[in-house]
Amino acid sequence: DLMMDRFKEKCGSYICNDLLGCDVRTEEGVQYCRDNKLFTEFCPKMVAAAVEVLEGIILEEK
C-alpha cells in the first residue's frame, strides 16, 4: 500500500509498538506511554505525519 510505504519511509515504521518503543498491548506499555506523554505528544505528531503523506499522494494524483 502506497500510503503505508510512504509513512514507513518518513517515520521508520507504521507499527505503533515500534514507533512508541513499547508494547501498548500490555498494561506496562500503556503506563509507559502515559508516563512519557506519548499518547498526548508523540501520537499527534504521527497523525500529522500521516496527513502529510496522504496530502502528498493526493497532490501527485491530480
PDB file of N, CA and C in Angstrom:
ATOM      1  N   ASP A   1       0.849  -1.180   0.000  1.00  0.00           N
ATOM      2  CA  ASP A   1       0.000   0.000   0.000  1.00  0.00           C
ATOM      3  C   ASP A   1       0.895   1.243   0.000  1.00  0.00           C
ATOM      4  N   LEU A   2       0.647   2.141  -0.911  1.00  0.00           N
ATOM      5  CA  LEU A   2       1.474   3.336  -1.085  1.00  0.00           C
ATOM      6  C   LEU A   2       1.515   4.196   0.173  1.00  0.00           C
ATOM      7  N   MET A   3       0.377   4.403   0.773  1.00  0.00           N
ATOM      8  CA  MET A   3       0.306   5.221   1.992  1.00  0.00           C
ATOM      9  C   MET A   3       1.199   4.639   3.086  1.00  0.00           C
ATOM     10  N   MET A   4       1.081   3.354   3.311  1.00  0.00           N
ATOM     11  CA  MET A   4       1.861   2.707   4.371  1.00  0.00           C
ATOM     12  C   MET A   4       3.353   2.745   4.052  1.00  0.00           C
ATOM     13  N   ASP A   5       3.698   2.502   2.791  1.00  0.00           N
ATOM     14  CA  ASP A   5       5.106   2.534   2.392  1.00  0.00           C
ATOM     15  C   ASP A   5       5.712   3.914   2.604  1.00  0.00           C
ATOM     16  N   ARG A   6       4.989   4.938   2.208  1.00  0.00           N
ATOM     17  CA  ARG A   6       5.491   6.313   2.365  1.00  0.00           C
ATOM     18  C   ARG A   6       5.594   6.699   3.840  1.00  0.00           C
ATOM     19  N   PHE A   7       4.610   6.281   4.630  1.00  0.00           N
ATOM     20  CA  PHE A   7       4.659   6.589   6.061  1.00  0.00           C
ATOM     21  C   PHE A   7       5.872   5.909   6.691  1.00  0.00           C
ATOM     22  N   LYS A   8       6.123   4.672   6.304  1.00  0.00           N
ATOM     23  CA  LYS A   8       7.278   3.943   6.841  1.00  0.00           C
ATOM     24  C   LYS A   8       8.576   4.633   6.441  1.00  0.00           C
ATOM     25  N   GLU A   9       8.656   5.107   5.206  1.00  0.00           N
ATOM     26  CA  GLU A   9       9.841   5.847   4.761  1.00  0.00           C
ATOM     27  C   GLU A   9      10.051   7.093   5.616  1.00  0.00           C
ATOM     28  N   LYS A  10       8.978   7.783   5.912  1.00  0.00           N
ATOM     29  CA  LYS A  10       9.046   9.048   6.654  1.00  0.00           C
ATOM     30  C   LYS A  10       9.331   8.832   8.141  1.00  0.00           C
ATOM     31  N   CYS A  11       8.703   7.824   8.725  1.00  0.00           N
ATOM     32  CA  CYS A  11       8.735   7.665  10.186  1.00  0.00           C
ATOM     33  C   CYS A  11       9.515   6.446  10.670  1.00  0.00           C
ATOM     34  N   GLY A  12       9.891   5.564   9.762  1.00  0.00           N
ATOM     35  CA  GLY A  12      10.666   4.394  10.156  1.00  0.00           C
ATOM     36  C   GLY A  12       9.851   3.139  10.361  1.00  0.00           C
ATOM     37  N   SER A  13       8.573   3.278  10.579  1.00  0.00           N
ATOM     38  CA  SER A  13       7.671   2.145  10.780  1.00  0.00           C
ATOM     39  C   SER A  13       6.245   2.667  10.749  1.00  0.00           C
ATOM     40  N   TYR A  14       5.303   1.755  10.597  1.00  0.00           N
ATOM     41  CA  TYR A  14       3.897   2.130  10.764  1.00  0.00           C
ATOM     42  C   TYR A  14       3.251   1.293  11.863  1.00  0.00           C
ATOM     43  N   ILE A  15       4.076   0.559  12.585  1.00  0.00           N
ATOM     44  CA  ILE A  15       3.619  -0.260  13.708  1.00  0.00           C
ATOM     45  C   ILE A  15       3.721   0.572  14.991  1.00  0.00           C
ATOM     46  N   CYS A  16       2.600   0.746  15.671  1.00  0.00           N
ATOM     47  CA  CYS A  16       2.578   1.590  16.877  1.00  0.00           C
ATOM     48  C   CYS A  16       3.637   1.170  17.892  1.00  0.00           C
ATOM     49  N   ASN A  17       3.752  -0.104  18.163  1.00  0.00           N
ATOM     50  CA  ASN A  17       4.723  -0.557  19.158  1.00  0.00           C
ATOM     51  C   ASN A  17       6.141  -0.162  18.768  1.00  0.00           C
ATOM     52  N   ASP A  18       6.465  -0.238  17.476  1.00  0.00           N
ATOM     53  CA  ASP A  18       7.794   0.165  17.017  1.00  0.00           C
ATOM     54  C   ASP A  18       7.988   1.665  17.180  1.00  0.00           C
ATOM     55  N   LEU A  19       6.992   2.431  16.782  1.00  0.00           N
ATOM     56  CA  LEU A  19       7.088   3.885  16.865  1.00  0.00           C
ATOM     57  C   LEU A  19       7.191   4.363  18.308  1.00  0.00           C
ATOM     58  N   LEU A  20       6.418   3.747  19.184  1.00  0.00           N
ATOM     59  CA  LEU A  20       6.369   4.167  20.585  1.00  0.00           C
ATOM     60  C   LEU A  20       7.513   3.603  21.419  1.00  0.00           C
ATOM     61  N   GLY A  21       8.093   2.502  20.979  1.00  0.00           N
ATOM     62  CA  GLY A  21       9.169   1.881  21.736  1.00  0.00           C
ATOM     63  C   GLY A  21       8.687   1.070  22.919  1.00  0.00           C
ATOM     64  N   CYS A  22       7.430   0.641  22.876  1.00  0.00           N
ATOM     65  CA  CYS A  22       6.872  -0.195  23.936  1.00  0.00           C
ATOM     66  C   CYS A  22       5.685  -0.970  23.375  1.00  0.00           C
ATOM     67  N   ASP A  23       5.225  -1.933  24.129  1.00  0.00           N
ATOM     68  CA  ASP A  23       4.109  -2.774  23.705  1.00  0.00           C
ATOM     69  C   ASP A  23       2.819  -2.255  24.333  1.00  0.00           C
ATOM     70  N   VAL A  24       2.014  -1.577  23.524  1.00  0.00           N
ATOM     71  CA  VAL A  24       0.785  -0.988  24.058  1.00  0.00           C
ATOM     72  C   VAL A  24      -0.312  -2.022  24.286  1.00  0.00           C
ATOM     73  N   ARG A  25      -0.007  -3.282  24.016  1.00  0.00           N
ATOM     74  CA  ARG A  25      -0.968  -4.353  24.327  1.00  0.00           C
ATOM     75  C   ARG A  25      -0.869  -4.768  25.790  1.00  0.00           C
ATOM     76  N   THR A  26       0.134  -4.239  26.483  1.00  0.00           N
ATOM     77  CA  THR A  26       0.306  -4.574  27.897  1.00  0.00           C
ATOM     78  C   THR A  26       0.015  -3.349  28.762  1.00  0.00           C
ATOM     79  N   GLU A  27      -0.353  -3.601  29.994  1.00  0.00           N
ATOM     80  CA  GLU A  27      -0.599  -2.509  30.941  1.00  0.00           C
ATOM     81  C   GLU A  27       0.676  -1.703  31.174  1.00  0.00           C
ATOM     82  N   GLU A  28       1.816  -2.397  31.217  1.00  0.00           N
ATOM     83  CA  GLU A  28       3.091  -1.711  31.421  1.00  0.00           C
ATOM     84  C   GLU A  28       3.402  -0.775  30.256  1.00  0.00           C
ATOM     85  N   GLY A  29       3.131  -1.245  29.046  1.00  0.00           N
ATOM     86  CA  GLY A  29       3.370  -0.423  27.864  1.00  0.00           C
ATOM     87  C   GLY A  29       2.483   0.805  27.836  1.00  0.00           C
ATOM     88  N   VAL A  30       1.226   0.617  28.176  1.00  0.00           N
ATOM     89  CA  VAL A  30       0.296   1.748  28.229  1.00  0.00           C
ATOM     90  C   VAL A  30       0.752   2.737  29.298  1.00  0.00           C
ATOM     91  N   GLN A  31       1.170   2.226  30.442  1.00  0.00           N
ATOM     92  CA  GLN A  31       1.642   3.110  31.514  1.00  0.00           C
ATOM     93  C   GLN A  31       2.888   3.870  31.076  1.00  0.00           C
ATOM     94  N   TYR A  32       3.791   3.197  30.372  1.00  0.00           N
ATOM     95  CA  TYR A  32       4.994   3.853  29.852  1.00  0.00           C
ATOM     96  C   TYR A  32       4.610   5.025  28.944  1.00  0.00           C
ATOM     97  N   CYS A  33       3.644   4.785  28.077  1.00  0.00           N
ATOM     98  CA  CYS A  33       3.184   5.842  27.172  1.00  0.00           C
ATOM     99  C   CYS A  33       2.566   7.002  27.935  1.00  0.00           C
ATOM    100  N   ARG A  34       1.790   6.679  28.940  1.00  0.00           N
ATOM    101  CA  ARG A  34       1.184   7.739  29.757  1.00  0.00           C
ATOM    102  C   ARG A  34       2.253   8.530  30.504  1.00  0.00           C
ATOM    103  N   ASP A  35       3.172   7.802  31.133  1.00  0.00           N
ATOM    104  CA  ASP A  35       4.222   8.457  31.918  1.00  0.00           C
ATOM    105  C   ASP A  35       5.085   9.377  31.062  1.00  0.00           C
ATOM    106  N   ASN A  36       5.301   8.988  29.818  1.00  0.00           N
ATOM    107  CA  ASN A  36       6.161   9.757  28.918  1.00  0.00           C
ATOM    108  C   ASN A  36       5.375  10.645  27.952  1.00  0.00           C
ATOM    109  N   LYS A  37       4.086  10.775  28.221  1.00  0.00           N
ATOM    110  CA  LYS A  37       3.192  11.637  27.438  1.00  0.00           C
ATOM    111  C   LYS A  37       3.217  11.314  25.943  1.00  0.00           C
ATOM    112  N   LEU A  38       3.434  10.055  25.620  1.00  0.00           N
ATOM    113  CA  LEU A  38       3.494   9.672  24.211  1.00  0.00           C
ATOM    114  C   LEU A  38       2.138   9.781  23.539  1.00  0.00           C
ATOM    115  N   PHE A  39       1.080   9.419  24.250  1.00  0.00           N
ATOM    116  CA  PHE A  39      -0.261   9.488  23.659  1.00  0.00           C
ATOM    117  C   PHE A  39      -0.665  10.928  23.354  1.00  0.00           C
ATOM    118  N   THR A  40      -0.231  11.856  24.180  1.00  0.00           N
ATOM    119  CA  THR A  40      -0.660  13.249  24.001  1.00  0.00           C
ATOM    120  C   THR A  40       0.337  14.098  23.222  1.00  0.00           C
ATOM    121  N   GLU A  41       1.597  13.679  23.152  1.00  0.00           N
ATOM    122  CA  GLU A  41       2.599  14.483  22.456  1.00  0.00           C
ATOM    123  C   GLU A  41       3.162  13.804  21.212  1.00  0.00           C
ATOM    124  N   PHE A  42       3.442  12.519  21.283  1.00  0.00           N
ATOM    125  CA  PHE A  42       4.055  11.818  20.154  1.00  0.00           C
ATOM    126  C   PHE A  42       3.020  11.362  19.133  1.00  0.00           C
ATOM    127  N   CYS A  43       1.951  10.758  19.591  1.00  0.00           N
ATOM    128  CA  CYS A  43       0.933  10.230  18.668  1.00  0.00           C
ATOM    129  C   CYS A  43       0.341  11.311  17.765  1.00  0.00           C
ATOM    130  N   PRO A  44       0.022  12.492  18.286  1.00  0.00           N
ATOM    131  CA  PRO A  44      -0.485  13.531  17.384  1.00  0.00           C
ATOM    132  C   PRO A  44       0.510  13.896  16.277  1.00  0.00           C
ATOM    133  N   LYS A  45       1.806  13.816  16.573  1.00  0.00           N
ATOM    134  CA  LYS A  45       2.818  14.076  15.543  1.00  0.00           C
ATOM    135  C   LYS A  45       2.773  12.999  14.463  1.00  0.00           C
ATOM    136  N   MET A  46       2.507  11.783  14.862  1.00  0.00           N
ATOM    137  CA  MET A  46       2.410  10.698  13.888  1.00  0.00           C
ATOM    138  C   MET A  46       1.155  10.847  13.030  1.00  0.00           C
ATOM    139  N   VAL A  47       0.077  11.320  13.629  1.00  0.00           N
ATOM    140  CA  VAL A  47      -1.147  11.590  12.859  1.00  0.00           C
ATOM    141  C   VAL A  47      -0.864  12.695  11.844  1.00  0.00           C
ATOM    142  N   ALA A  48      -0.170  13.738  12.266  1.00  0.00           N
ATOM    143  CA  ALA A  48       0.178  14.827  11.352  1.00  0.00           C
ATOM    144  C   ALA A  48       1.065  14.317  10.221  1.00  0.00           C
ATOM    145  N   ALA A  49       1.995  13.436  10.537  1.00  0.00           N
ATOM    146  CA  ALA A  49       2.860  12.859   9.506  1.00  0.00           C
ATOM    147  C   ALA A  49       2.042  12.053   8.508  1.00  0.00           C
ATOM    148  N   ALA A  50       1.064  11.311   8.999  1.00  0.00           N
ATOM    149  CA  ALA A  50       0.195  10.530   8.112  1.00  0.00           C
ATOM    150  C   ALA A  50      -0.602  11.444   7.192  1.00  0.00           C
ATOM    151  N   VAL A  51      -1.079  12.552   7.723  1.00  0.00           N
ATOM    152  CA  VAL A  51      -1.824  13.520   6.912  1.00  0.00           C
ATOM    153  C   VAL A  51      -0.914  14.098   5.831  1.00  0.00           C
ATOM    154  N   GLU A  52       0.317  14.440   6.188  1.00  0.00           N
ATOM    155  CA  GLU A  52       1.265  14.975   5.208  1.00  0.00           C
ATOM    156  C   GLU A  52       1.526  13.975   4.087  1.00  0.00           C
ATOM    157  N   VAL A  53       1.709  12.720   4.448  1.00  0.00           N
ATOM    158  CA  VAL A  53       1.938  11.678   3.446  1.00  0.00           C
ATOM    159  C   VAL A  53       0.736  11.572   2.523  1.00  0.00           C
ATOM    160  N   LEU A  54      -0.440  11.520   3.095  1.00  0.00           N
ATOM    161  CA  LEU A  54      -1.655  11.387   2.292  1.00  0.00           C
ATOM    162  C   LEU A  54      -1.870  12.608   1.403  1.00  0.00           C
ATOM    163  N   GLU A  55      -1.616  13.794   1.926  1.00  0.00           N
ATOM    164  CA  GLU A  55      -1.731  15.004   1.107  1.00  0.00           C
ATOM    165  C   GLU A  55      -0.792  14.937  -0.093  1.00  0.00           C
ATOM    166  N   GLY A  56       0.430  14.458   0.140  1.00  0.00           N
ATOM    167  CA  GLY A  56       1.391  14.322  -0.947  1.00  0.00           C
ATOM    168  C   GLY A  56       0.907  13.367  -2.019  1.00  0.00           C
ATOM    169  N   ILE A  57       0.330  12.266  -1.602  1.00  0.00           N
ATOM    170  CA  ILE A  57      -0.195  11.284  -2.554  1.00  0.00           C
ATOM    171  C   ILE A  57      -1.349  11.884  -3.347  1.00  0.00           C
ATOM    172  N   ILE A  58      -2.232  12.582  -2.676  1.00  0.00           N
ATOM    173  CA  ILE A  58      -3.378  13.198  -3.358  1.00  0.00           C
ATOM    174  C   ILE A  58      -2.900  14.222  -4.381  1.00  0.00           C
ATOM    175  N   LEU A  59      -1.920  15.035  -4.013  1.00  0.00           N
ATOM    176  CA  LEU A  59      -1.403  16.046  -4.936  1.00  0.00           C
ATOM    177  C   LEU A  59      -0.731  15.408  -6.150  1.00  0.00           C
ATOM    178  N   GLU A  60      -0.068  14.285  -5.946  1.00  0.00           N
ATOM    179  CA  GLU A  60       0.567  13.570  -7.058  1.00  0.00           C
ATOM    180  C   GLU A  60      -0.463  13.056  -8.052  1.00  0.00           C
ATOM    181  N   GLU A  61      -1.633  12.707  -7.567  1.00  0.00           N
ATOM    182  CA  GLU A  61      -2.660  12.117  -8.425  1.00  0.00           C
ATOM    183  C   GLU A  61      -3.432  13.157  -9.227  1.00  0.00           C
ATOM    184  N   LYS A  62      -3.267  14.423  -8.906  1.00  0.00           N
ATOM    185  CA  LYS A  62      -4.002  15.481  -9.623  1.00  0.00           C
ATOM    186  C   LYS A  62      -3.405  15.726 -10.987  1.00  0.00           C
TER     187      LYS A  62
END
